[in-house]
Amino acid sequence: DDVKSILMDKDVIAIDQDALGRQGDRVYAEGPVEIWAKPLKDGSKAVAIFNFGEWQTQVKPIGIHLKELGFSGGAKGHDVWANKDLGTIHDDFDAQIARHSVLLLILRK
């Protein structure tokens, strides 16, 4: 059921089939953390933040630098997995991500 809900999520399908047709690029990698971003046709970006950490059983705060993703003055965030609007996210937002987990966001100006 978990895999089915991921594969059938309307926002995930929309990101995958976005009309711009661009694939995502890794924009950050350090230690167990990787951040990937994909531009979308409407000017927003899909951003996936991965925590591949093995040593840590607790949640790891991971900083997202919006300026490096092309957003100045903040961006409206939407958590895809939780289907929850996050309001305006400002530069240096700390995402709380458990080990072996990913946060998938859509960021809009």
PDB file of N, CA and C in Angstrom:
ATOM      1  N   ASP A   1       0.812  -1.202   0.000  1.00  0.00           N
ATOM      2  CA  ASP A   1       0.000   0.000   0.000  1.00  0.00           C
ATOM      3  C   ASP A   1       0.858   1.270   0.000  1.00  0.00           C
ATOM      4  N   ASP A   2       1.993   1.246   0.734  1.00  0.00           N
ATOM      5  CA  ASP A   2       2.871   2.422   0.769  1.00  0.00           C
ATOM      6  C   ASP A   2       3.442   2.722  -0.610  1.00  0.00           C
ATOM      7  N   VAL A   3       3.946   1.695  -1.278  1.00  0.00           N
ATOM      8  CA  VAL A   3       4.530   1.881  -2.618  1.00  0.00           C
ATOM      9  C   VAL A   3       3.447   2.330  -3.598  1.00  0.00           C
ATOM     10  N   LYS A   4       2.284   1.736  -3.506  1.00  0.00           N
ATOM     11  CA  LYS A   4       1.169   2.097  -4.387  1.00  0.00           C
ATOM     12  C   LYS A   4       0.808   3.571  -4.206  1.00  0.00           C
ATOM     13  N   SER A   5       0.758   4.033  -2.954  1.00  0.00           N
ATOM     14  CA  SER A   5       0.400   5.428  -2.711  1.00  0.00           C
ATOM     15  C   SER A   5       1.459   6.385  -3.266  1.00  0.00           C
ATOM     16  N   ILE A   6       2.724   5.982  -3.235  1.00  0.00           N
ATOM     17  CA  ILE A   6       3.795   6.817  -3.805  1.00  0.00           C
ATOM     18  C   ILE A   6       3.674   6.867  -5.321  1.00  0.00           C
ATOM     19  N   LEU A   7       3.510   5.707  -5.934  1.00  0.00           N
ATOM     20  CA  LEU A   7       3.471   5.635  -7.399  1.00  0.00           C
ATOM     21  C   LEU A   7       2.224   6.283  -7.991  1.00  0.00           C
ATOM     22  N   MET A   8       1.158   6.358  -7.215  1.00  0.00           N
ATOM     23  CA  MET A   8      -0.090   6.919  -7.723  1.00  0.00           C
ATOM     24  C   MET A   8      -0.352   8.343  -7.231  1.00  0.00           C
ATOM     25  N   ASP A   9       0.603   8.932  -6.520  1.00  0.00           N
ATOM     26  CA  ASP A   9       0.440  10.287  -5.995  1.00  0.00           C
ATOM     27  C   ASP A   9       0.359  11.276  -7.158  1.00  0.00           C
ATOM     28  N   LYS A  10      -0.697  12.082  -7.197  1.00  0.00           N
ATOM     29  CA  LYS A  10      -0.915  13.000  -8.326  1.00  0.00           C
ATOM     30  C   LYS A  10       0.204  14.030  -8.463  1.00  0.00           C
ATOM     31  N   ASP A  11       0.766  14.502  -7.351  1.00  0.00           N
ATOM     32  CA  ASP A  11       1.855  15.480  -7.438  1.00  0.00           C
ATOM     33  C   ASP A  11       3.137  14.841  -7.955  1.00  0.00           C
ATOM     34  N   VAL A  12       3.408  13.611  -7.555  1.00  0.00           N
ATOM     35  CA  VAL A  12       4.595  12.911  -8.043  1.00  0.00           C
ATOM     36  C   VAL A  12       4.466  12.654  -9.543  1.00  0.00           C
ATOM     37  N   ILE A  13       3.287  12.240  -9.980  1.00  0.00           N
ATOM     38  CA  ILE A  13       3.056  12.014 -11.413  1.00  0.00           C
ATOM     39  C   ILE A  13       3.199  13.324 -12.180  1.00  0.00           C
ATOM     40  N   ALA A  14       2.673  14.415 -11.629  1.00  0.00           N
ATOM     41  CA  ALA A  14       2.787  15.720 -12.290  1.00  0.00           C
ATOM     42  C   ALA A  14       4.242  16.163 -12.411  1.00  0.00           C
ATOM     43  N   ILE A  15       5.037  15.911 -11.388  1.00  0.00           N
ATOM     44  CA  ILE A  15       6.466  16.244 -11.458  1.00  0.00           C
ATOM     45  C   ILE A  15       7.137  15.415 -12.548  1.00  0.00           C
ATOM     46  N   ASP A  16       6.873  14.124 -12.565  1.00  0.00           N
ATOM     47  CA  ASP A  16       7.484  13.226 -13.538  1.00  0.00           C
ATOM     48  C   ASP A  16       7.082  13.573 -14.968  1.00  0.00           C
ATOM     49  N   GLN A  17       5.834  13.962 -15.177  1.00  0.00           N
ATOM     50  CA  GLN A  17       5.318  14.189 -16.527  1.00  0.00           C
ATOM     51  C   GLN A  17       5.190  15.666 -16.866  1.00  0.00           C
ATOM     52  N   ASP A  18       5.905  16.523 -16.165  1.00  0.00           N
ATOM     53  CA  ASP A  18       5.824  17.957 -16.407  1.00  0.00           C
ATOM     54  C   ASP A  18       6.140  18.281 -17.867  1.00  0.00           C
ATOM     55  N   ALA A  19       5.385  19.198 -18.435  1.00  0.00           N
ATOM     56  CA  ALA A  19       5.494  19.541 -19.856  1.00  0.00           C
ATOM     57  C   ALA A  19       6.834  20.153 -20.244  1.00  0.00           C
ATOM     58  N   LEU A  20       7.573  20.720 -19.297  1.00  0.00           N
ATOM     59  CA  LEU A  20       8.882  21.287 -19.630  1.00  0.00           C
ATOM     60  C   LEU A  20       9.842  20.197 -20.102  1.00  0.00           C
ATOM     61  N   GLY A  21       9.660  18.994 -19.579  1.00  0.00           N
ATOM     62  CA  GLY A  21      10.456  17.861 -20.045  1.00  0.00           C
ATOM     63  C   GLY A  21      11.902  17.847 -19.586  1.00  0.00           C
ATOM     64  N   ARG A  22      12.229  18.571 -18.538  1.00  0.00           N
ATOM     65  CA  ARG A  22      13.600  18.593 -18.022  1.00  0.00           C
ATOM     66  C   ARG A  22      13.740  17.576 -16.904  1.00  0.00           C
ATOM     67  N   GLN A  23      14.886  16.958 -16.832  1.00  0.00           N
ATOM     68  CA  GLN A  23      15.118  16.051 -15.719  1.00  0.00           C
ATOM     69  C   GLN A  23      15.758  16.801 -14.562  1.00  0.00           C
ATOM     70  N   GLY A  24      15.761  16.201 -13.412  1.00  0.00           N
ATOM     71  CA  GLY A  24      16.355  16.821 -12.237  1.00  0.00           C
ATOM     72  C   GLY A  24      17.864  16.701 -12.251  1.00  0.00           C
ATOM     73  N   ASP A  25      18.505  17.616 -11.542  1.00  0.00           N
ATOM     74  CA  ASP A  25      19.961  17.617 -11.405  1.00  0.00           C
ATOM     75  C   ASP A  25      20.325  17.648  -9.929  1.00  0.00           C
ATOM     76  N   ARG A  26      21.424  16.997  -9.615  1.00  0.00           N
ATOM     77  CA  ARG A  26      21.924  17.075  -8.247  1.00  0.00           C
ATOM     78  C   ARG A  26      22.568  18.448  -8.079  1.00  0.00           C
ATOM     79  N   VAL A  27      22.092  19.196  -7.087  1.00  0.00           N
ATOM     80  CA  VAL A  27      22.600  20.545  -6.856  1.00  0.00           C
ATOM     81  C   VAL A  27      23.456  20.638  -5.605  1.00  0.00           C
ATOM     82  N   TYR A  28      23.438  19.555  -4.799  1.00  0.00           N
ATOM     83  CA  TYR A  28      24.221  19.567  -3.567  1.00  0.00           C
ATOM     84  C   TYR A  28      24.485  18.126  -3.153  1.00  0.00           C
ATOM     85  N   ALA A  29      25.697  17.885  -2.700  1.00  0.00           N
ATOM     86  CA  ALA A  29      26.045  16.575  -2.144  1.00  0.00           C
ATOM     87  C   ALA A  29      27.175  16.758  -1.150  1.00  0.00           C
ATOM     88  N   GLU A  30      26.909  16.330   0.072  1.00  0.00           N
ATOM     89  CA  GLU A  30      27.940  16.353   1.111  1.00  0.00           C
ATOM     90  C   GLU A  30      27.606  15.273   2.123  1.00  0.00           C
ATOM     91  N   GLY A  31      28.526  14.359   2.314  1.00  0.00           N
ATOM     92  CA  GLY A  31      28.281  13.264   3.233  1.00  0.00           C
ATOM     93  C   GLY A  31      27.053  12.484   2.806  1.00  0.00           C
ATOM     94  N   PRO A  32      26.142  12.237   3.754  1.00  0.00           N
ATOM     95  CA  PRO A  32      24.957  11.434   3.433  1.00  0.00           C
ATOM     96  C   PRO A  32      23.798  12.236   2.834  1.00  0.00           C
ATOM     97  N   VAL A  33      24.014  13.526   2.565  1.00  0.00           N
ATOM     98  CA  VAL A  33      22.932  14.394   2.109  1.00  0.00           C
ATOM     99  C   VAL A  33      23.086  14.734   0.628  1.00  0.00           C
ATOM    100  N   GLU A  34      22.006  14.580  -0.118  1.00  0.00           N
ATOM    101  CA  GLU A  34      21.956  15.022  -1.507  1.00  0.00           C
ATOM    102  C   GLU A  34      20.679  15.812  -1.711  1.00  0.00           C
ATOM    103  N   ILE A  35      20.789  16.877  -2.516  1.00  0.00           N
ATOM    104  CA  ILE A  35      19.619  17.664  -2.895  1.00  0.00           C
ATOM    105  C   ILE A  35      19.559  17.681  -4.419  1.00  0.00           C
ATOM    106  N   TRP A  36      18.397  17.318  -4.939  1.00  0.00           N
ATOM    107  CA  TRP A  36      18.137  17.304  -6.367  1.00  0.00           C
ATOM    108  C   TRP A  36      17.011  18.289  -6.668  1.00  0.00           C
ATOM    109  N   ALA A  37      17.120  19.005  -7.792  1.00  0.00           N
ATOM    110  CA  ALA A  37      16.096  19.973  -8.166  1.00  0.00           C
ATOM    111  C   ALA A  37      15.721  19.783  -9.634  1.00  0.00           C
ATOM    112  N   LYS A  38      14.445  19.943  -9.916  1.00  0.00           N
ATOM    113  CA  LYS A  38      13.914  19.814 -11.273  1.00  0.00           C
ATOM    114  C   LYS A  38      13.043  21.021 -11.565  1.00  0.00           C
ATOM    115  N   PRO A  39      13.404  21.817 -12.598  1.00  0.00           N
ATOM    116  CA  PRO A  39      12.543  22.944 -12.963  1.00  0.00           C
ATOM    117  C   PRO A  39      11.248  22.443 -13.603  1.00  0.00           C
ATOM    118  N   LEU A  40      10.156  23.138 -13.302  1.00  0.00           N
ATOM    119  CA  LEU A  40       8.857  22.782 -13.847  1.00  0.00           C
ATOM    120  C   LEU A  40       8.343  23.906 -14.752  1.00  0.00           C
ATOM    121  N   LYS A  41       7.444  23.569 -15.651  1.00  0.00           N
ATOM    122  CA  LYS A  41       6.974  24.505 -16.678  1.00  0.00           C
ATOM    123  C   LYS A  41       6.413  25.801 -16.103  1.00  0.00           C
ATOM    124  N   ASP A  42       5.744  25.731 -14.959  1.00  0.00           N
ATOM    125  CA  ASP A  42       5.123  26.930 -14.385  1.00  0.00           C
ATOM    126  C   ASP A  42       6.102  27.818 -13.623  1.00  0.00           C
ATOM    127  N   GLY A  43       7.400  27.493 -13.680  1.00  0.00           N
ATOM    128  CA  GLY A  43       8.416  28.294 -13.000  1.00  0.00           C
ATOM    129  C   GLY A  43       8.753  27.801 -11.605  1.00  0.00           C
ATOM    130  N   SER A  44       8.012  26.839 -11.120  1.00  0.00           N
ATOM    131  CA  SER A  44       8.318  26.267  -9.811  1.00  0.00           C
ATOM    132  C   SER A  44       9.406  25.206  -9.953  1.00  0.00           C
ATOM    133  N   LYS A  45       9.841  24.674  -8.835  1.00  0.00           N
ATOM    134  CA  LYS A  45      10.854  23.616  -8.849  1.00  0.00           C
ATOM    135  C   LYS A  45      10.443  22.507  -7.904  1.00  0.00           C
ATOM    136  N   ALA A  46      10.672  21.289  -8.345  1.00  0.00           N
ATOM    137  CA  ALA A  46      10.536  20.133  -7.473  1.00  0.00           C
ATOM    138  C   ALA A  46      11.907  19.925  -6.843  1.00  0.00           C
ATOM    139  N   VAL A  47      11.943  19.773  -5.527  1.00  0.00           N
ATOM    140  CA  VAL A  47      13.204  19.627  -4.809  1.00  0.00           C
ATOM    141  C   VAL A  47      13.106  18.392  -3.914  1.00  0.00           C
ATOM    142  N   ALA A  48      14.043  17.475  -4.097  1.00  0.00           N
ATOM    143  CA  ALA A  48      14.105  16.270  -3.271  1.00  0.00           C
ATOM    144  C   ALA A  48      15.361  16.345  -2.421  1.00  0.00           C
ATOM    145  N   ILE A  49      15.201  16.183  -1.113  1.00  0.00           N
ATOM    146  CA  ILE A  49      16.319  16.214  -0.177  1.00  0.00           C
ATOM    147  C   ILE A  49      16.435  14.826   0.445  1.00  0.00           C
ATOM    148  N   PHE A  50      17.559  14.181   0.186  1.00  0.00           N
ATOM    149  CA  PHE A  50      17.791  12.817   0.642  1.00  0.00           C
ATOM    150  C   PHE A  50      18.732  12.790   1.831  1.00  0.00           C
ATOM    151  N   ASN A  51      18.453  11.938   2.800  1.00  0.00           N
ATOM    152  CA  ASN A  51      19.357  11.667   3.908  1.00  0.00           C
ATOM    153  C   ASN A  51      19.691  10.172   3.831  1.00  0.00           C
ATOM    154  N   PHE A  52      20.878   9.865   3.299  1.00  0.00           N
ATOM    155  CA  PHE A  52      21.321   8.484   3.147  1.00  0.00           C
ATOM    156  C   PHE A  52      22.085   7.987   4.373  1.00  0.00           C
ATOM    157  N   GLY A  53      22.064   8.756   5.448  1.00  0.00           N
ATOM    158  CA  GLY A  53      22.856   8.461   6.637  1.00  0.00           C
ATOM    159  C   GLY A  53      22.582   7.095   7.243  1.00  0.00           C
ATOM    160  N   GLU A  54      23.646   6.429   7.647  1.00  0.00           N
ATOM    161  CA  GLU A  54      23.564   5.115   8.287  1.00  0.00           C
ATOM    162  C   GLU A  54      23.749   5.211   9.804  1.00  0.00           C
ATOM    163  N   TRP A  55      24.575   6.137  10.225  1.00  0.00           N
ATOM    164  CA  TRP A  55      24.993   6.200  11.621  1.00  0.00           C
ATOM    165  C   TRP A  55      23.945   6.779  12.542  1.00  0.00           C
ATOM    166  N   GLN A  56      22.996   7.455  12.007  1.00  0.00           N
ATOM    167  CA  GLN A  56      22.097   8.235  12.835  1.00  0.00           C
ATOM    168  C   GLN A  56      20.699   7.626  12.843  1.00  0.00           C
ATOM    169  N   THR A  57      20.177   7.397  14.004  1.00  0.00           N
ATOM    170  CA  THR A  57      18.820   6.868  14.089  1.00  0.00           C
ATOM    171  C   THR A  57      17.808   7.989  14.297  1.00  0.00           C
ATOM    172  N   GLN A  58      18.304   9.173  14.606  1.00  0.00           N
ATOM    173  CA  GLN A  58      17.404  10.294  14.824  1.00  0.00           C
ATOM    174  C   GLN A  58      17.291  11.131  13.550  1.00  0.00           C
ATOM    175  N   VAL A  59      16.378  12.072  13.592  1.00  0.00           N
ATOM    176  CA  VAL A  59      16.158  12.982  12.484  1.00  0.00           C
ATOM    177  C   VAL A  59      17.347  13.926  12.348  1.00  0.00           C
ATOM    178  N   LYS A  60      17.737  14.198  11.107  1.00  0.00           N
ATOM    179  CA  LYS A  60      18.863  15.089  10.836  1.00  0.00           C
ATOM    180  C   LYS A  60      18.334  16.396  10.245  1.00  0.00           C
ATOM    181  N   PRO A  61      18.697  17.545  10.840  1.00  0.00           N
ATOM    182  CA  PRO A  61      18.306  18.815  10.220  1.00  0.00           C
ATOM    183  C   PRO A  61      19.210  19.093   9.014  1.00  0.00           C
ATOM    184  N   ILE A  62      18.592  19.389   7.892  1.00  0.00           N
ATOM    185  CA  ILE A  62      19.337  19.645   6.661  1.00  0.00           C
ATOM    186  C   ILE A  62      18.932  21.024   6.160  1.00  0.00           C
ATOM    187  N   GLY A  63      19.913  21.902   5.995  1.00  0.00           N
ATOM    188  CA  GLY A  63      19.647  23.260   5.535  1.00  0.00           C
ATOM    189  C   GLY A  63      19.412  23.308   4.039  1.00  0.00           C
ATOM    190  N   ILE A  64      18.392  24.048   3.645  1.00  0.00           N
ATOM    191  CA  ILE A  64      18.095  24.269   2.233  1.00  0.00           C
ATOM    192  C   ILE A  64      18.372  25.738   1.947  1.00  0.00           C
ATOM    193  N   HIS A  65      19.261  25.999   1.037  1.00  0.00           N
ATOM    194  CA  HIS A  65      19.625  27.372   0.692  1.00  0.00           C
ATOM    195  C   HIS A  65      18.878  27.772  -0.575  1.00  0.00           C
ATOM    196  N   LEU A  66      17.784  28.490  -0.403  1.00  0.00           N
ATOM    197  CA  LEU A  66      16.904  28.816  -1.519  1.00  0.00           C
ATOM    198  C   LEU A  66      17.589  29.641  -2.594  1.00  0.00           C
ATOM    199  N   LYS A  67      18.514  30.497  -2.207  1.00  0.00           N
ATOM    200  CA  LYS A  67      19.205  31.317  -3.201  1.00  0.00           C
ATOM    201  C   LYS A  67      19.959  30.444  -4.199  1.00  0.00           C
ATOM    202  N   GLU A  68      20.505  29.334  -3.717  1.00  0.00           N
ATOM    203  CA  GLU A  68      21.222  28.423  -4.602  1.00  0.00           C
ATOM    204  C   GLU A  68      20.273  27.684  -5.544  1.00  0.00           C
ATOM    205  N   LEU A  69      18.985  27.693  -5.220  1.00  0.00           N
ATOM    206  CA  LEU A  69      17.982  27.064  -6.077  1.00  0.00           C
ATOM    207  C   LEU A  69      17.271  28.077  -6.972  1.00  0.00           C
ATOM    208  N   GLY A  70      17.727  29.338  -6.912  1.00  0.00           N
ATOM    209  CA  GLY A  70      17.158  30.367  -7.781  1.00  0.00           C
ATOM    210  C   GLY A  70      16.014  31.157  -7.172  1.00  0.00           C
ATOM    211  N   PHE A  71      15.822  31.062  -5.868  1.00  0.00           N
ATOM    212  CA  PHE A  71      14.758  31.800  -5.194  1.00  0.00           C
ATOM    213  C   PHE A  71      15.373  32.833  -4.257  1.00  0.00           C
ATOM    214  N   SER A  72      14.994  34.084  -4.426  1.00  0.00           N
ATOM    215  CA  SER A  72      15.442  35.110  -3.489  1.00  0.00           C
ATOM    216  C   SER A  72      14.213  35.668  -2.789  1.00  0.00           C
ATOM    217  N   GLY A  73      14.319  35.920  -1.504  1.00  0.00           N
ATOM    218  CA  GLY A  73      13.204  36.444  -0.736  1.00  0.00           C
ATOM    219  C   GLY A  73      12.194  35.397  -0.309  1.00  0.00           C
ATOM    220  N   GLY A  74      12.548  34.144  -0.435  1.00  0.00           N
ATOM    221  CA  GLY A  74      11.668  33.071   0.009  1.00  0.00           C
ATOM    222  C   GLY A  74      10.880  32.445  -1.126  1.00  0.00           C
ATOM    223  N   ALA A  75      10.231  31.355  -0.810  1.00  0.00           N
ATOM    224  CA  ALA A  75       9.415  30.626  -1.777  1.00  0.00           C
ATOM    225  C   ALA A  75       8.278  29.944  -1.024  1.00  0.00           C
ATOM    226  N   LYS A  76       7.164  29.782  -1.702  1.00  0.00           N
ATOM    227  CA  LYS A  76       6.053  29.035  -1.109  1.00  0.00           C
ATOM    228  C   LYS A  76       6.359  27.554  -1.248  1.00  0.00           C
ATOM    229  N   GLY A  77       6.256  26.833  -0.145  1.00  0.00           N
ATOM    230  CA  GLY A  77       6.607  25.426  -0.143  1.00  0.00           C
ATOM    231  C   GLY A  77       5.397  24.524   0.013  1.00  0.00           C
ATOM    232  N   HIS A  78       5.479  23.374  -0.657  1.00  0.00           N
ATOM    233  CA  HIS A  78       4.448  22.347  -0.533  1.00  0.00           C
ATOM    234  C   HIS A  78       5.153  21.017  -0.325  1.00  0.00           C
ATOM    235  N   ASP A  79       4.857  20.349   0.783  1.00  0.00           N
ATOM    236  CA  ASP A  79       5.405  19.026   1.073  1.00  0.00           C
ATOM    237  C   ASP A  79       4.556  18.009   0.312  1.00  0.00           C
ATOM    238  N   VAL A  80       5.159  17.370  -0.700  1.00  0.00           N
ATOM    239  CA  VAL A  80       4.416  16.460  -1.566  1.00  0.00           C
ATOM    240  C   VAL A  80       3.940  15.231  -0.809  1.00  0.00           C
ATOM    241  N   TRP A  81       4.817  14.603  -0.010  1.00  0.00           N
ATOM    242  CA  TRP A  81       4.430  13.374   0.684  1.00  0.00           C
ATOM    243  C   TRP A  81       3.305  13.613   1.677  1.00  0.00           C
ATOM    244  N   ALA A  82       3.361  14.725   2.401  1.00  0.00           N
ATOM    245  CA  ALA A  82       2.339  15.024   3.403  1.00  0.00           C
ATOM    246  C   ALA A  82       1.135  15.746   2.805  1.00  0.00           C
ATOM    247  N   ASN A  83       1.242  16.146   1.525  1.00  0.00           N
ATOM    248  CA  ASN A  83       0.205  16.927   0.862  1.00  0.00           C
ATOM    249  C   ASN A  83      -0.184  18.124   1.730  1.00  0.00           C
ATOM    250  N   LYS A  84       0.865  18.870   2.119  1.00  0.00           N
ATOM    251  CA  LYS A  84       0.674  19.963   3.078  1.00  0.00           C
ATOM    252  C   LYS A  84       1.405  21.208   2.593  1.00  0.00           C
ATOM    253  N   ASP A  85       0.696  22.336   2.565  1.00  0.00           N
ATOM    254  CA  ASP A  85       1.345  23.606   2.260  1.00  0.00           C
ATOM    255  C   ASP A  85       2.138  24.051   3.472  1.00  0.00           C
ATOM    256  N   LEU A  86       3.358  24.511   3.222  1.00  0.00           N
ATOM    257  CA  LEU A  86       4.255  24.911   4.307  1.00  0.00           C
ATOM    258  C   LEU A  86       4.324  26.420   4.478  1.00  0.00           C
ATOM    259  N   GLY A  87       3.588  27.157   3.660  1.00  0.00           N
ATOM    260  CA  GLY A  87       3.673  28.609   3.719  1.00  0.00           C
ATOM    261  C   GLY A  87       4.970  29.073   3.065  1.00  0.00           C
ATOM    262  N   THR A  88       5.396  30.260   3.421  1.00  0.00           N
ATOM    263  CA  THR A  88       6.627  30.801   2.853  1.00  0.00           C
ATOM    264  C   THR A  88       7.837  30.237   3.578  1.00  0.00           C
ATOM    265  N   ILE A  89       8.733  29.672   2.801  1.00  0.00           N
ATOM    266  CA  ILE A  89       9.999  29.157   3.327  1.00  0.00           C
ATOM    267  C   ILE A  89      11.065  30.195   3.000  1.00  0.00           C
ATOM    268  N   HIS A  90      11.882  30.510   3.979  1.00  0.00           N
ATOM    269  CA  HIS A  90      12.944  31.490   3.767  1.00  0.00           C
ATOM    270  C   HIS A  90      14.289  30.788   3.652  1.00  0.00           C
ATOM    271  N   ASP A  91      15.272  31.526   3.149  1.00  0.00           N
ATOM    272  CA  ASP A  91      16.606  30.959   2.977  1.00  0.00           C
ATOM    273  C   ASP A  91      17.080  30.337   4.290  1.00  0.00           C
ATOM    274  N   ASP A  92      17.828  29.267   4.172  1.00  0.00           N
ATOM    275  CA  ASP A  92      18.365  28.522   5.302  1.00  0.00           C
ATOM    276  C   ASP A  92      17.275  27.797   6.102  1.00  0.00           C
ATOM    277  N   PHE A  93      16.191  27.413   5.430  1.00  0.00           N
ATOM    278  CA  PHE A  93      15.161  26.564   6.025  1.00  0.00           C
ATOM    279  C   PHE A  93      15.802  25.235   6.402  1.00  0.00           C
ATOM    280  N   ASP A  94      15.554  24.753   7.605  1.00  0.00           N
ATOM    281  CA  ASP A  94      16.074  23.457   8.037  1.00  0.00           C
ATOM    282  C   ASP A  94      14.986  22.401   7.920  1.00  0.00           C
ATOM    283  N   ALA A  95      15.212  21.451   7.030  1.00  0.00           N
ATOM    284  CA  ALA A  95      14.303  20.318   6.884  1.00  0.00           C
ATOM    285  C   ALA A  95      14.729  19.237   7.866  1.00  0.00           C
ATOM    286  N   GLN A  96      13.768  18.614   8.502  1.00  0.00           N
ATOM    287  CA  GLN A  96      14.044  17.527   9.446  1.00  0.00           C
ATOM    288  C   GLN A  96      13.799  16.207   8.716  1.00  0.00           C
ATOM    289  N   ILE A  97      14.863  15.467   8.435  1.00  0.00           N
ATOM    290  CA  ILE A  97      14.741  14.260   7.622  1.00  0.00           C
ATOM    291  C   ILE A  97      15.401  13.089   8.334  1.00  0.00           C
ATOM    292  N   ALA A  98      14.636  12.048   8.542  1.00  0.00           N
ATOM    293  CA  ALA A  98      15.158  10.838   9.187  1.00  0.00           C
ATOM    294  C   ALA A  98      16.125  10.118   8.247  1.00  0.00           C
ATOM    295  N   ARG A  99      16.977   9.253   8.816  1.00  0.00           N
ATOM    296  CA  ARG A  99      17.918   8.507   7.978  1.00  0.00           C
ATOM    297  C   ARG A  99      17.151   7.632   6.995  1.00  0.00           C
ATOM    298  N   HIS A 100      17.727   7.479   5.815  1.00  0.00           N
ATOM    299  CA  HIS A 100      17.115   6.699   4.737  1.00  0.00           C
ATOM    300  C   HIS A 100      15.769   7.272   4.305  1.00  0.00           C
ATOM    301  N   SER A 101      15.603   8.575   4.441  1.00  0.00           N
ATOM    302  CA  SER A 101      14.343   9.215   4.071  1.00  0.00           C
ATOM    303  C   SER A 101      14.586  10.346   3.080  1.00  0.00           C
ATOM    304  N   VAL A 102      13.492  10.823   2.535  1.00  0.00           N
ATOM    305  CA  VAL A 102      13.554  11.920   1.568  1.00  0.00           C
ATOM    306  C   VAL A 102      12.380  12.863   1.819  1.00  0.00           C
ATOM    307  N   LEU A 103      12.656  14.143   1.646  1.00  0.00           N
ATOM    308  CA  LEU A 103      11.618  15.163   1.678  1.00  0.00           C
ATOM    309  C   LEU A 103      11.449  15.648   0.247  1.00  0.00           C
ATOM    310  N   LEU A 104      10.230  15.611  -0.265  1.00  0.00           N
ATOM    311  CA  LEU A 104       9.952  16.060  -1.630  1.00  0.00           C
ATOM    312  C   LEU A 104       9.098  17.308  -1.541  1.00  0.00           C
ATOM    313  N   LEU A 105       9.631  18.406  -2.069  1.00  0.00           N
ATOM    314  CA  LEU A 105       8.959  19.692  -2.012  1.00  0.00           C
ATOM    315  C   LEU A 105       8.687  20.227  -3.417  1.00  0.00           C
ATOM    316  N   ILE A 106       7.661  21.034  -3.529  1.00  0.00           N
ATOM    317  CA  ILE A 106       7.488  21.875  -4.697  1.00  0.00           C
ATOM    318  C   ILE A 106       7.609  23.306  -4.176  1.00  0.00           C
ATOM    319  N   LEU A 107       8.534  24.069  -4.783  1.00  0.00           N
ATOM    320  CA  LEU A 107       8.780  25.444  -4.378  1.00  0.00           C
ATOM    321  C   LEU A 107       8.324  26.373  -5.484  1.00  0.00           C
ATOM    322  N   ARG A 108       7.559  27.412  -5.104  1.00  0.00           N
ATOM    323  CA  ARG A 108       7.046  28.396  -6.052  1.00  0.00           C
ATOM    324  C   ARG A 108       7.419  29.791  -5.572  1.00  0.00           C
ATOM    325  N   LYS A 109       7.635  30.684  -6.524  1.00  0.00           N
ATOM    326  CA  LYS A 109       7.923  32.078  -6.164  1.00  0.00           C
ATOM    327  C   LYS A 109       6.699  32.745  -5.637  1.00  0.00           C
TER     328      LYS A 109
END
